[in-house]
Amino acid sequence: MIRELAVCVFLVSAVSALTEQQCNQMPSHVKFDCPNGDVPCIFARYVCDGVLDCSDGYDENQSAGSHCTEAKQLENCQNDFASKGLASFSCGDSMCVGAEQKCDGTTDCLDGSDEASC
């Protein structure tokens, strides 16, 4: 069973979405334009964080350009945990989960690496 933490990778985050008016008023260095879909832009800090914020997933698309690589996704994930004072476990698929989720009997990483070799 995959917990909601891992599943959220496939959900569109409504929290980071901005209106067209907000996008037009923001400086380009703090926003990221979503080229397709219902969401005109998101805050730049949400790019490549393992959560689909652009409605078409462009902010997490590694083939769409250099804005998102597996290494960048993992780094952002680890930084997110660290910013909250939490340790993380690096999954084999550019995701990470809380360190306490390693070998807890529940698959949290989409690739199952958190329960391998336990």
PDB file of N, CA and C in Angstrom:
ATOM      1  N   MET A   1       0.842  -1.180   0.000  1.00  0.00           N
ATOM      2  CA  MET A   1       0.000   0.000   0.000  1.00  0.00           C
ATOM      3  C   MET A   1       0.891   1.248   0.000  1.00  0.00           C
ATOM      4  N   ILE A   2       0.611   2.162  -0.846  1.00  0.00           N
ATOM      5  CA  ILE A   2       1.378   3.400  -0.927  1.00  0.00           C
ATOM      6  C   ILE A   2       0.633   4.473  -0.146  1.00  0.00           C
ATOM      7  N   ARG A   3       1.310   5.114   0.771  1.00  0.00           N
ATOM      8  CA  ARG A   3       0.680   6.155   1.583  1.00  0.00           C
ATOM      9  C   ARG A   3       0.382   7.389   0.758  1.00  0.00           C
ATOM     10  N   GLU A   4      -0.454   8.259   1.301  1.00  0.00           N
ATOM     11  CA  GLU A   4      -0.843   9.478   0.606  1.00  0.00           C
ATOM     12  C   GLU A   4       0.354  10.353   0.273  1.00  0.00           C
ATOM     13  N   LEU A   5       1.409  10.321   1.101  1.00  0.00           N
ATOM     14  CA  LEU A   5       2.600  11.132   0.847  1.00  0.00           C
ATOM     15  C   LEU A   5       3.187  10.813  -0.516  1.00  0.00           C
ATOM     16  N   ALA A   6       3.309   9.547  -0.827  1.00  0.00           N
ATOM     17  CA  ALA A   6       3.869   9.159  -2.119  1.00  0.00           C
ATOM     18  C   ALA A   6       2.889   9.421  -3.247  1.00  0.00           C
ATOM     19  N   VAL A   7       1.620   9.198  -3.001  1.00  0.00           N
ATOM     20  CA  VAL A   7       0.612   9.362  -4.030  1.00  0.00           C
ATOM     21  C   VAL A   7       0.468  10.826  -4.439  1.00  0.00           C
ATOM     22  N   CYS A   8       0.783  11.753  -3.534  1.00  0.00           N
ATOM     23  CA  CYS A   8       0.596  13.169  -3.854  1.00  0.00           C
ATOM     24  C   CYS A   8       1.461  13.617  -5.024  1.00  0.00           C
ATOM     25  N   VAL A   9       2.431  12.834  -5.407  1.00  0.00           N
ATOM     26  CA  VAL A   9       3.271  13.163  -6.553  1.00  0.00           C
ATOM     27  C   VAL A   9       2.422  13.298  -7.811  1.00  0.00           C
ATOM     28  N   PHE A  10       1.316  12.577  -7.882  1.00  0.00           N
ATOM     29  CA  PHE A  10       0.497  12.575  -9.081  1.00  0.00           C
ATOM     30  C   PHE A  10      -0.686  13.537  -9.026  1.00  0.00           C
ATOM     31  N   LEU A  11      -0.851  14.227  -7.941  1.00  0.00           N
ATOM     32  CA  LEU A  11      -1.965  15.144  -7.808  1.00  0.00           C
ATOM     33  C   LEU A  11      -1.549  16.548  -8.191  1.00  0.00           C
ATOM     34  N   VAL A  12      -2.497  17.313  -8.682  1.00  0.00           N
ATOM     35  CA  VAL A  12      -2.230  18.719  -8.975  1.00  0.00           C
ATOM     36  C   VAL A  12      -2.456  19.504  -7.697  1.00  0.00           C
ATOM     37  N   SER A  13      -1.496  20.319  -7.332  1.00  0.00           N
ATOM     38  CA  SER A  13      -1.584  21.092  -6.105  1.00  0.00           C
ATOM     39  C   SER A  13      -2.300  22.407  -6.350  1.00  0.00           C
ATOM     40  N   ALA A  14      -3.442  22.583  -5.704  1.00  0.00           N
ATOM     41  CA  ALA A  14      -4.196  23.827  -5.849  1.00  0.00           C
ATOM     42  C   ALA A  14      -3.577  24.962  -5.053  1.00  0.00           C
ATOM     43  N   VAL A  15      -2.779  24.639  -4.054  1.00  0.00           N
ATOM     44  CA  VAL A  15      -2.183  25.656  -3.188  1.00  0.00           C
ATOM     45  C   VAL A  15      -1.196  26.545  -3.941  1.00  0.00           C
ATOM     46  N   SER A  16      -0.451  25.982  -4.848  1.00  0.00           N
ATOM     47  CA  SER A  16       0.590  26.735  -5.539  1.00  0.00           C
ATOM     48  C   SER A  16       0.096  27.452  -6.789  1.00  0.00           C
ATOM     49  N   ALA A  17      -1.118  27.165  -7.231  1.00  0.00           N
ATOM     50  CA  ALA A  17      -1.639  27.755  -8.461  1.00  0.00           C
ATOM     51  C   ALA A  17      -1.999  29.223  -8.259  1.00  0.00           C
ATOM     52  N   LEU A  18      -1.714  30.022  -9.251  1.00  0.00           N
ATOM     53  CA  LEU A  18      -2.000  31.456  -9.207  1.00  0.00           C
ATOM     54  C   LEU A  18      -2.988  31.817 -10.310  1.00  0.00           C
ATOM     55  N   THR A  19      -3.719  32.893 -10.113  1.00  0.00           N
ATOM     56  CA  THR A  19      -4.643  33.354 -11.142  1.00  0.00           C
ATOM     57  C   THR A  19      -3.852  34.060 -12.242  1.00  0.00           C
ATOM     58  N   GLU A  20      -4.490  34.243 -13.370  1.00  0.00           N
ATOM     59  CA  GLU A  20      -3.840  34.945 -14.478  1.00  0.00           C
ATOM     60  C   GLU A  20      -3.460  36.369 -14.076  1.00  0.00           C
ATOM     61  N   GLN A  21      -4.329  37.021 -13.336  1.00  0.00           N
ATOM     62  CA  GLN A  21      -4.036  38.384 -12.875  1.00  0.00           C
ATOM     63  C   GLN A  21      -2.808  38.402 -11.956  1.00  0.00           C
ATOM     64  N   GLN A  22      -2.726  37.441 -11.030  1.00  0.00           N
ATOM     65  CA  GLN A  22      -1.561  37.357 -10.151  1.00  0.00           C
ATOM     66  C   GLN A  22      -0.292  37.105 -10.957  1.00  0.00           C
ATOM     67  N   CYS A  23      -0.396  36.241 -11.944  1.00  0.00           N
ATOM     68  CA  CYS A  23       0.766  35.916 -12.788  1.00  0.00           C
ATOM     69  C   CYS A  23       1.268  37.158 -13.526  1.00  0.00           C
ATOM     70  N   ASN A  24       0.344  37.942 -14.047  1.00  0.00           N
ATOM     71  CA  ASN A  24       0.720  39.136 -14.794  1.00  0.00           C
ATOM     72  C   ASN A  24       1.385  40.188 -13.919  1.00  0.00           C
ATOM     73  N   GLN A  25       1.078  40.192 -12.638  1.00  0.00           N
ATOM     74  CA  GLN A  25       1.627  41.186 -11.722  1.00  0.00           C
ATOM     75  C   GLN A  25       2.937  40.762 -11.070  1.00  0.00           C
ATOM     76  N   MET A  26       3.302  39.487 -11.203  1.00  0.00           N
ATOM     77  CA  MET A  26       4.496  38.974 -10.526  1.00  0.00           C
ATOM     78  C   MET A  26       5.749  39.149 -11.350  1.00  0.00           C
ATOM     79  N   PRO A  27       6.885  39.432 -10.698  1.00  0.00           N
ATOM     80  CA  PRO A  27       8.162  39.449 -11.416  1.00  0.00           C
ATOM     81  C   PRO A  27       8.502  38.033 -11.905  1.00  0.00           C
ATOM     82  N   SER A  28       9.162  37.953 -13.017  1.00  0.00           N
ATOM     83  CA  SER A  28       9.428  36.648 -13.633  1.00  0.00           C
ATOM     84  C   SER A  28      10.308  35.742 -12.778  1.00  0.00           C
ATOM     85  N   HIS A  29      11.136  36.298 -11.906  1.00  0.00           N
ATOM     86  CA  HIS A  29      12.027  35.441 -11.120  1.00  0.00           C
ATOM     87  C   HIS A  29      11.320  34.723  -9.968  1.00  0.00           C
ATOM     88  N   VAL A  30      10.088  35.091  -9.645  1.00  0.00           N
ATOM     89  CA  VAL A  30       9.366  34.406  -8.572  1.00  0.00           C
ATOM     90  C   VAL A  30       8.216  33.538  -9.084  1.00  0.00           C
ATOM     91  N   LYS A  31       8.020  33.514 -10.413  1.00  0.00           N
ATOM     92  CA  LYS A  31       6.952  32.687 -10.968  1.00  0.00           C
ATOM     93  C   LYS A  31       7.512  31.749 -12.029  1.00  0.00           C
ATOM     94  N   PHE A  32       6.750  30.709 -12.319  1.00  0.00           N
ATOM     95  CA  PHE A  32       7.081  29.744 -13.362  1.00  0.00           C
ATOM     96  C   PHE A  32       5.832  29.602 -14.217  1.00  0.00           C
ATOM     97  N   ASP A  33       5.954  29.872 -15.507  1.00  0.00           N
ATOM     98  CA  ASP A  33       4.804  29.818 -16.411  1.00  0.00           C
ATOM     99  C   ASP A  33       4.476  28.387 -16.809  1.00  0.00           C
ATOM    100  N   CYS A  34       3.224  28.043 -16.707  1.00  0.00           N
ATOM    101  CA  CYS A  34       2.707  26.753 -17.144  1.00  0.00           C
ATOM    102  C   CYS A  34       2.136  26.959 -18.551  1.00  0.00           C
ATOM    103  N   PRO A  35       2.725  26.344 -19.572  1.00  0.00           N
ATOM    104  CA  PRO A  35       2.319  26.640 -20.945  1.00  0.00           C
ATOM    105  C   PRO A  35       0.955  26.095 -21.355  1.00  0.00           C
ATOM    106  N   ASN A  36       0.449  25.085 -20.673  1.00  0.00           N
ATOM    107  CA  ASN A  36      -0.818  24.455 -21.067  1.00  0.00           C
ATOM    108  C   ASN A  36      -1.715  24.263 -19.855  1.00  0.00           C
ATOM    109  N   GLY A  37      -2.981  24.178 -20.086  1.00  0.00           N
ATOM    110  CA  GLY A  37      -3.905  23.813 -19.016  1.00  0.00           C
ATOM    111  C   GLY A  37      -4.564  24.975 -18.308  1.00  0.00           C
ATOM    112  N   ASP A  38      -5.155  24.653 -17.178  1.00  0.00           N
ATOM    113  CA  ASP A  38      -5.973  25.596 -16.424  1.00  0.00           C
ATOM    114  C   ASP A  38      -5.168  26.555 -15.551  1.00  0.00           C
ATOM    115  N   VAL A  39      -3.933  26.215 -15.247  1.00  0.00           N
ATOM    116  CA  VAL A  39      -3.114  27.005 -14.332  1.00  0.00           C
ATOM    117  C   VAL A  39      -2.140  27.859 -15.140  1.00  0.00           C
ATOM    118  N   PRO A  40      -2.250  29.202 -15.092  1.00  0.00           N
ATOM    119  CA  PRO A  40      -1.351  30.036 -15.897  1.00  0.00           C
ATOM    120  C   PRO A  40       0.094  30.053 -15.401  1.00  0.00           C
ATOM    121  N   CYS A  41       0.285  30.035 -14.065  1.00  0.00           N
ATOM    122  CA  CYS A  41       1.645  29.995 -13.520  1.00  0.00           C
ATOM    123  C   CYS A  41       1.594  29.528 -12.078  1.00  0.00           C
ATOM    124  N   ILE A  42       2.767  29.201 -11.540  1.00  0.00           N
ATOM    125  CA  ILE A  42       2.914  28.808 -10.143  1.00  0.00           C
ATOM    126  C   ILE A  42       4.099  29.574  -9.569  1.00  0.00           C
ATOM    127  N   PHE A  43       4.230  29.568  -8.258  1.00  0.00           N
ATOM    128  CA  PHE A  43       5.429  30.131  -7.655  1.00  0.00           C
ATOM    129  C   PHE A  43       6.631  29.287  -8.076  1.00  0.00           C
ATOM    130  N   ALA A  44       7.726  29.919  -8.395  1.00  0.00           N
ATOM    131  CA  ALA A  44       8.922  29.224  -8.867  1.00  0.00           C
ATOM    132  C   ALA A  44       9.431  28.198  -7.862  1.00  0.00           C
ATOM    133  N   ARG A  45       9.215  28.437  -6.589  1.00  0.00           N
ATOM    134  CA  ARG A  45       9.716  27.498  -5.574  1.00  0.00           C
ATOM    135  C   ARG A  45       9.040  26.126  -5.653  1.00  0.00           C
ATOM    136  N   TYR A  46       7.921  26.029  -6.374  1.00  0.00           N
ATOM    137  CA  TYR A  46       7.228  24.759  -6.498  1.00  0.00           C
ATOM    138  C   TYR A  46       7.663  23.951  -7.726  1.00  0.00           C
ATOM    139  N   VAL A  47       8.582  24.461  -8.505  1.00  0.00           N
ATOM    140  CA  VAL A  47       9.069  23.730  -9.678  1.00  0.00           C
ATOM    141  C   VAL A  47       9.982  22.601  -9.220  1.00  0.00           C
ATOM    142  N   CYS A  48       9.740  21.441  -9.766  1.00  0.00           N
ATOM    143  CA  CYS A  48      10.601  20.281  -9.535  1.00  0.00           C
ATOM    144  C   CYS A  48      10.641  19.891  -8.064  1.00  0.00           C
ATOM    145  N   ASP A  49       9.483  19.862  -7.425  1.00  0.00           N
ATOM    146  CA  ASP A  49       9.437  19.480  -6.014  1.00  0.00           C
ATOM    147  C   ASP A  49       8.746  18.138  -5.788  1.00  0.00           C
ATOM    148  N   GLY A  50       8.438  17.433  -6.872  1.00  0.00           N
ATOM    149  CA  GLY A  50       7.794  16.129  -6.748  1.00  0.00           C
ATOM    150  C   GLY A  50       6.277  16.200  -6.725  1.00  0.00           C
ATOM    151  N   VAL A  51       5.709  17.400  -6.826  1.00  0.00           N
ATOM    152  CA  VAL A  51       4.257  17.574  -6.848  1.00  0.00           C
ATOM    153  C   VAL A  51       3.877  18.273  -8.148  1.00  0.00           C
ATOM    154  N   LEU A  52       2.873  17.743  -8.837  1.00  0.00           N
ATOM    155  CA  LEU A  52       2.419  18.348 -10.086  1.00  0.00           C
ATOM    156  C   LEU A  52       1.606  19.597  -9.774  1.00  0.00           C
ATOM    157  N   ASP A  53       2.162  20.758 -10.049  1.00  0.00           N
ATOM    158  CA  ASP A  53       1.476  22.013  -9.783  1.00  0.00           C
ATOM    159  C   ASP A  53       0.850  22.596 -11.049  1.00  0.00           C
ATOM    160  N   CYS A  54       1.545  22.547 -12.181  1.00  0.00           N
ATOM    161  CA  CYS A  54       0.929  22.906 -13.464  1.00  0.00           C
ATOM    162  C   CYS A  54      -0.067  21.793 -13.781  1.00  0.00           C
ATOM    163  N   SER A  55      -1.224  22.144 -14.328  1.00  0.00           N
ATOM    164  CA  SER A  55      -2.254  21.127 -14.535  1.00  0.00           C
ATOM    165  C   SER A  55      -1.813  20.003 -15.479  1.00  0.00           C
ATOM    166  N   ASP A  56      -0.840  20.278 -16.340  1.00  0.00           N
ATOM    167  CA  ASP A  56      -0.331  19.224 -17.230  1.00  0.00           C
ATOM    168  C   ASP A  56       0.961  18.595 -16.716  1.00  0.00           C
ATOM    169  N   GLY A  57       1.412  18.993 -15.533  1.00  0.00           N
ATOM    170  CA  GLY A  57       2.621  18.421 -14.952  1.00  0.00           C
ATOM    171  C   GLY A  57       3.917  18.987 -15.494  1.00  0.00           C
ATOM    172  N   TYR A  58       3.848  20.062 -16.265  1.00  0.00           N
ATOM    173  CA  TYR A  58       5.041  20.628 -16.902  1.00  0.00           C
ATOM    174  C   TYR A  58       6.128  20.994 -15.888  1.00  0.00           C
ATOM    175  N   ASP A  59       5.749  21.410 -14.696  1.00  0.00           N
ATOM    176  CA  ASP A  59       6.723  21.803 -13.679  1.00  0.00           C
ATOM    177  C   ASP A  59       7.560  20.629 -13.167  1.00  0.00           C
ATOM    178  N   GLU A  60       7.103  19.402 -13.415  1.00  0.00           N
ATOM    179  CA  GLU A  60       7.844  18.214 -12.990  1.00  0.00           C
ATOM    180  C   GLU A  60       8.359  17.403 -14.175  1.00  0.00           C
ATOM    181  N   ASN A  61       8.138  17.882 -15.391  1.00  0.00           N
ATOM    182  CA  ASN A  61       8.494  17.148 -16.598  1.00  0.00           C
ATOM    183  C   ASN A  61       9.979  17.279 -16.899  1.00  0.00           C
ATOM    184  N   GLN A  62      10.700  16.181 -16.768  1.00  0.00           N
ATOM    185  CA  GLN A  62      12.149  16.184 -16.983  1.00  0.00           C
ATOM    186  C   GLN A  62      12.528  16.302 -18.449  1.00  0.00           C
ATOM    187  N   SER A  63      11.624  15.960 -19.352  1.00  0.00           N
ATOM    188  CA  SER A  63      11.954  16.037 -20.781  1.00  0.00           C
ATOM    189  C   SER A  63      11.623  17.397 -21.379  1.00  0.00           C
ATOM    190  N   ALA A  64      10.957  18.246 -20.622  1.00  0.00           N
ATOM    191  CA  ALA A  64      10.531  19.537 -21.151  1.00  0.00           C
ATOM    192  C   ALA A  64      11.618  20.603 -21.099  1.00  0.00           C
ATOM    193  N   GLY A  65      12.726  20.293 -20.529  1.00  0.00           N
ATOM    194  CA  GLY A  65      13.795  21.273 -20.426  1.00  0.00           C
ATOM    195  C   GLY A  65      14.624  21.045 -19.182  1.00  0.00           C
ATOM    196  N   SER A  66      15.555  21.914 -18.957  1.00  0.00           N
ATOM    197  CA  SER A  66      16.491  21.717 -17.855  1.00  0.00           C
ATOM    198  C   SER A  66      15.944  22.166 -16.508  1.00  0.00           C
ATOM    199  N   HIS A  67      14.689  22.651 -16.464  1.00  0.00           N
ATOM    200  CA  HIS A  67      14.163  23.119 -15.180  1.00  0.00           C
ATOM    201  C   HIS A  67      13.963  21.994 -14.176  1.00  0.00           C
ATOM    202  N   CYS A  68      13.903  20.757 -14.612  1.00  0.00           N
ATOM    203  CA  CYS A  68      13.671  19.653 -13.689  1.00  0.00           C
ATOM    204  C   CYS A  68      14.439  18.406 -14.100  1.00  0.00           C
ATOM    205  N   THR A  69      15.306  17.983 -13.239  1.00  0.00           N
ATOM    206  CA  THR A  69      16.043  16.741 -13.444  1.00  0.00           C
ATOM    207  C   THR A  69      15.792  15.851 -12.226  1.00  0.00           C
ATOM    208  N   GLU A  70      16.111  14.568 -12.330  1.00  0.00           N
ATOM    209  CA  GLU A  70      15.945  13.675 -11.183  1.00  0.00           C
ATOM    210  C   GLU A  70      16.751  14.172  -9.990  1.00  0.00           C
ATOM    211  N   ALA A  71      17.967  14.643 -10.245  1.00  0.00           N
ATOM    212  CA  ALA A  71      18.815  15.141  -9.163  1.00  0.00           C
ATOM    213  C   ALA A  71      18.183  16.361  -8.491  1.00  0.00           C
ATOM    214  N   LYS A  72      17.585  17.242  -9.289  1.00  0.00           N
ATOM    215  CA  LYS A  72      16.945  18.442  -8.743  1.00  0.00           C
ATOM    216  C   LYS A  72      15.707  18.069  -7.938  1.00  0.00           C
ATOM    217  N   GLN A  73      14.920  17.106  -8.414  1.00  0.00           N
ATOM    218  CA  GLN A  73      13.748  16.658  -7.667  1.00  0.00           C
ATOM    219  C   GLN A  73      14.153  16.114  -6.302  1.00  0.00           C
ATOM    220  N   LEU A  74      15.177  15.261  -6.288  1.00  0.00           N
ATOM    221  CA  LEU A  74      15.629  14.674  -5.031  1.00  0.00           C
ATOM    222  C   LEU A  74      16.165  15.747  -4.093  1.00  0.00           C
ATOM    223  N   GLU A  75      16.949  16.667  -4.628  1.00  0.00           N
ATOM    224  CA  GLU A  75      17.495  17.755  -3.812  1.00  0.00           C
ATOM    225  C   GLU A  75      16.368  18.589  -3.199  1.00  0.00           C
ATOM    226  N   ASN A  76      15.363  18.940  -3.987  1.00  0.00           N
ATOM    227  CA  ASN A  76      14.248  19.728  -3.486  1.00  0.00           C
ATOM    228  C   ASN A  76      13.461  18.971  -2.418  1.00  0.00           C
ATOM    229  N   CYS A  77      13.276  17.684  -2.629  1.00  0.00           N
ATOM    230  CA  CYS A  77      12.561  16.861  -1.663  1.00  0.00           C
ATOM    231  C   CYS A  77      13.322  16.817  -0.339  1.00  0.00           C
ATOM    232  N   GLN A  78      14.625  16.555  -0.401  1.00  0.00           N
ATOM    233  CA  GLN A  78      15.445  16.502   0.808  1.00  0.00           C
ATOM    234  C   GLN A  78      15.472  17.858   1.512  1.00  0.00           C
ATOM    235  N   ASN A  79      15.571  18.933   0.750  1.00  0.00           N
ATOM    236  CA  ASN A  79      15.583  20.277   1.342  1.00  0.00           C
ATOM    237  C   ASN A  79      14.268  20.589   2.036  1.00  0.00           C
ATOM    238  N   ASP A  80      13.179  20.096   1.463  1.00  0.00           N
ATOM    239  CA  ASP A  80      11.876  20.325   2.080  1.00  0.00           C
ATOM    240  C   ASP A  80      11.813  19.673   3.455  1.00  0.00           C
ATOM    241  N   PHE A  81      12.259  18.431   3.557  1.00  0.00           N
ATOM    242  CA  PHE A  81      12.287  17.755   4.860  1.00  0.00           C
ATOM    243  C   PHE A  81      13.238  18.480   5.815  1.00  0.00           C
ATOM    244  N   ALA A  82      14.432  18.818   5.330  1.00  0.00           N
ATOM    245  CA  ALA A  82      15.432  19.481   6.174  1.00  0.00           C
ATOM    246  C   ALA A  82      14.928  20.824   6.697  1.00  0.00           C
ATOM    247  N   SER A  83      14.185  21.560   5.873  1.00  0.00           N
ATOM    248  CA  SER A  83      13.672  22.862   6.302  1.00  0.00           C
ATOM    249  C   SER A  83      12.675  22.726   7.452  1.00  0.00           C
ATOM    250  N   LYS A  84      12.136  21.532   7.625  1.00  0.00           N
ATOM    251  CA  LYS A  84      11.200  21.266   8.721  1.00  0.00           C
ATOM    252  C   LYS A  84      11.893  20.547   9.872  1.00  0.00           C
ATOM    253  N   GLY A  85      13.229  20.416   9.778  1.00  0.00           N
ATOM    254  CA  GLY A  85      13.994  19.749  10.825  1.00  0.00           C
ATOM    255  C   GLY A  85      13.829  18.247  10.838  1.00  0.00           C
ATOM    256  N   LEU A  86      13.484  17.667   9.698  1.00  0.00           N
ATOM    257  CA  LEU A  86      13.245  16.236   9.605  1.00  0.00           C
ATOM    258  C   LEU A  86      14.294  15.556   8.726  1.00  0.00           C
ATOM    259  N   ALA A  87      14.601  14.316   9.057  1.00  0.00           N
ATOM    260  CA  ALA A  87      15.500  13.512   8.229  1.00  0.00           C
ATOM    261  C   ALA A  87      14.688  12.853   7.122  1.00  0.00           C
ATOM    262  N   SER A  88      15.348  12.543   6.015  1.00  0.00           N
ATOM    263  CA  SER A  88      14.657  11.912   4.897  1.00  0.00           C
ATOM    264  C   SER A  88      15.407  10.683   4.415  1.00  0.00           C
ATOM    265  N   PHE A  89      14.685   9.846   3.690  1.00  0.00           N
ATOM    266  CA  PHE A  89      15.257   8.678   3.021  1.00  0.00           C
ATOM    267  C   PHE A  89      15.105   8.903   1.527  1.00  0.00           C
ATOM    268  N   SER A  90      16.194   8.727   0.778  1.00  0.00           N
ATOM    269  CA  SER A  90      16.168   8.919  -0.674  1.00  0.00           C
ATOM    270  C   SER A  90      15.716   7.641  -1.364  1.00  0.00           C
ATOM    271  N   CYS A  91      14.566   7.718  -2.031  1.00  0.00           N
ATOM    272  CA  CYS A  91      14.060   6.590  -2.808  1.00  0.00           C
ATOM    273  C   CYS A  91      14.916   6.455  -4.074  1.00  0.00           C
ATOM    274  N   GLY A  92      14.778   5.370  -4.766  1.00  0.00           N
ATOM    275  CA  GLY A  92      15.547   5.155  -5.983  1.00  0.00           C
ATOM    276  C   GLY A  92      14.950   5.811  -7.208  1.00  0.00           C
ATOM    277  N   ASP A  93      13.868   6.575  -7.046  1.00  0.00           N
ATOM    278  CA  ASP A  93      13.156   7.136  -8.184  1.00  0.00           C
ATOM    279  C   ASP A  93      13.061   8.657  -8.130  1.00  0.00           C
ATOM    280  N   SER A  94      14.033   9.310  -7.531  1.00  0.00           N
ATOM    281  CA  SER A  94      14.125  10.764  -7.382  1.00  0.00           C
ATOM    282  C   SER A  94      13.105  11.339  -6.412  1.00  0.00           C
ATOM    283  N   MET A  95      12.499  10.491  -5.631  1.00  0.00           N
ATOM    284  CA  MET A  95      11.609  10.921  -4.553  1.00  0.00           C
ATOM    285  C   MET A  95      12.338  10.753  -3.236  1.00  0.00           C
ATOM    286  N   CYS A  96      11.757  11.270  -2.179  1.00  0.00           N
ATOM    287  CA  CYS A  96      12.222  10.945  -0.844  1.00  0.00           C
ATOM    288  C   CYS A  96      11.025  10.901   0.079  1.00  0.00           C
ATOM    289  N   VAL A  97      11.206  10.228   1.195  1.00  0.00           N
ATOM    290  CA  VAL A  97      10.168  10.121   2.216  1.00  0.00           C
ATOM    291  C   VAL A  97      10.823  10.383   3.558  1.00  0.00           C
ATOM    292  N   GLY A  98      10.018  10.532   4.594  1.00  0.00           N
ATOM    293  CA  GLY A  98      10.571  10.707   5.926  1.00  0.00           C
ATOM    294  C   GLY A  98      11.397   9.499   6.334  1.00  0.00           C
ATOM    295  N   ALA A  99      12.498   9.738   7.026  1.00  0.00           N
ATOM    296  CA  ALA A  99      13.394   8.653   7.421  1.00  0.00           C
ATOM    297  C   ALA A  99      12.676   7.583   8.242  1.00  0.00           C
ATOM    298  N   GLU A 100      11.673   7.979   9.022  1.00  0.00           N
ATOM    299  CA  GLU A 100      10.928   7.019   9.842  1.00  0.00           C
ATOM    300  C   GLU A 100      10.087   6.064   9.000  1.00  0.00           C
ATOM    301  N   GLN A 101       9.928   6.356   7.707  1.00  0.00           N
ATOM    302  CA  GLN A 101       9.153   5.497   6.827  1.00  0.00           C
ATOM    303  C   GLN A 101       9.994   4.380   6.212  1.00  0.00           C
ATOM    304  N   LYS A 102      11.290   4.408   6.429  1.00  0.00           N
ATOM    305  CA  LYS A 102      12.183   3.344   5.945  1.00  0.00           C
ATOM    306  C   LYS A 102      11.963   2.106   6.812  1.00  0.00           C
ATOM    307  N   CYS A 103      11.667   1.005   6.169  1.00  0.00           N
ATOM    308  CA  CYS A 103      11.488  -0.291   6.837  1.00  0.00           C
ATOM    309  C   CYS A 103      10.397  -0.270   7.907  1.00  0.00           C
ATOM    310  N   ASP A 104       9.294   0.420   7.635  1.00  0.00           N
ATOM    311  CA  ASP A 104       8.192   0.453   8.591  1.00  0.00           C
ATOM    312  C   ASP A 104       7.068  -0.514   8.216  1.00  0.00           C
ATOM    313  N   GLY A 105       7.297  -1.328   7.179  1.00  0.00           N
ATOM    314  CA  GLY A 105       6.309  -2.311   6.768  1.00  0.00           C
ATOM    315  C   GLY A 105       5.298  -1.801   5.752  1.00  0.00           C
ATOM    316  N   THR A 106       5.396  -0.535   5.376  1.00  0.00           N
ATOM    317  CA  THR A 106       4.481   0.052   4.396  1.00  0.00           C
ATOM    318  C   THR A 106       5.301   0.669   3.269  1.00  0.00           C
ATOM    319  N   THR A 107       4.956   0.350   2.039  1.00  0.00           N
ATOM    320  CA  THR A 107       5.667   0.911   0.893  1.00  0.00           C
ATOM    321  C   THR A 107       5.262   2.360   0.708  1.00  0.00           C
ATOM    322  N   ASP A 108       6.231   3.270   0.846  1.00  0.00           N
ATOM    323  CA  ASP A 108       5.986   4.699   0.696  1.00  0.00           C
ATOM    324  C   ASP A 108       6.605   5.237  -0.592  1.00  0.00           C
ATOM    325  N   CYS A 109       7.768   4.743  -0.976  1.00  0.00           N
ATOM    326  CA  CYS A 109       8.399   5.130  -2.242  1.00  0.00           C
ATOM    327  C   CYS A 109       7.664   4.420  -3.373  1.00  0.00           C
ATOM    328  N   LEU A 110       7.454   5.104  -4.473  1.00  0.00           N
ATOM    329  CA  LEU A 110       6.768   4.472  -5.597  1.00  0.00           C
ATOM    330  C   LEU A 110       7.527   3.263  -6.126  1.00  0.00           C
ATOM    331  N   ASP A 111       8.863   3.265  -5.979  1.00  0.00           N
ATOM    332  CA  ASP A 111       9.663   2.124  -6.446  1.00  0.00           C
ATOM    333  C   ASP A 111       9.851   1.060  -5.366  1.00  0.00           C
ATOM    334  N   GLY A 112       9.299   1.272  -4.174  1.00  0.00           N
ATOM    335  CA  GLY A 112       9.392   0.288  -3.102  1.00  0.00           C
ATOM    336  C   GLY A 112      10.725   0.221  -2.393  1.00  0.00           C
ATOM    337  N   SER A 113      11.649   1.118  -2.713  1.00  0.00           N
ATOM    338  CA  SER A 113      12.994   1.043  -2.147  1.00  0.00           C
ATOM    339  C   SER A 113      13.037   1.266  -0.641  1.00  0.00           C
ATOM    340  N   ASP A 114      12.025   1.907  -0.083  1.00  0.00           N
ATOM    341  CA  ASP A 114      12.021   2.125   1.372  1.00  0.00           C
ATOM    342  C   ASP A 114      11.778   0.839   2.156  1.00  0.00           C
ATOM    343  N   GLU A 115      11.279  -0.192   1.483  1.00  0.00           N
ATOM    344  CA  GLU A 115      11.038  -1.480   2.157  1.00  0.00           C
ATOM    345  C   GLU A 115      11.975  -2.575   1.660  1.00  0.00           C
ATOM    346  N   ALA A 116      12.888  -2.248   0.764  1.00  0.00           N
ATOM    347  CA  ALA A 116      13.858  -3.233   0.253  1.00  0.00           C
ATOM    348  C   ALA A 116      14.981  -3.398   1.276  1.00  0.00           C
ATOM    349  N   SER A 117      15.506  -4.579   1.372  1.00  0.00           N
ATOM    350  CA  SER A 117      16.653  -4.900   2.246  1.00  0.00           C
ATOM    351  C   SER A 117      16.386  -4.562   3.709  1.00  0.00           C
ATOM    352  N   CYS A 118      15.199  -4.850   4.174  1.00  0.00           N
ATOM    353  CA  CYS A 118      14.865  -4.567   5.594  1.00  0.00           C
ATOM    354  C   CYS A 118      15.019  -5.822   6.438  1.00  0.00           C
TER     355      CYS A 118
END
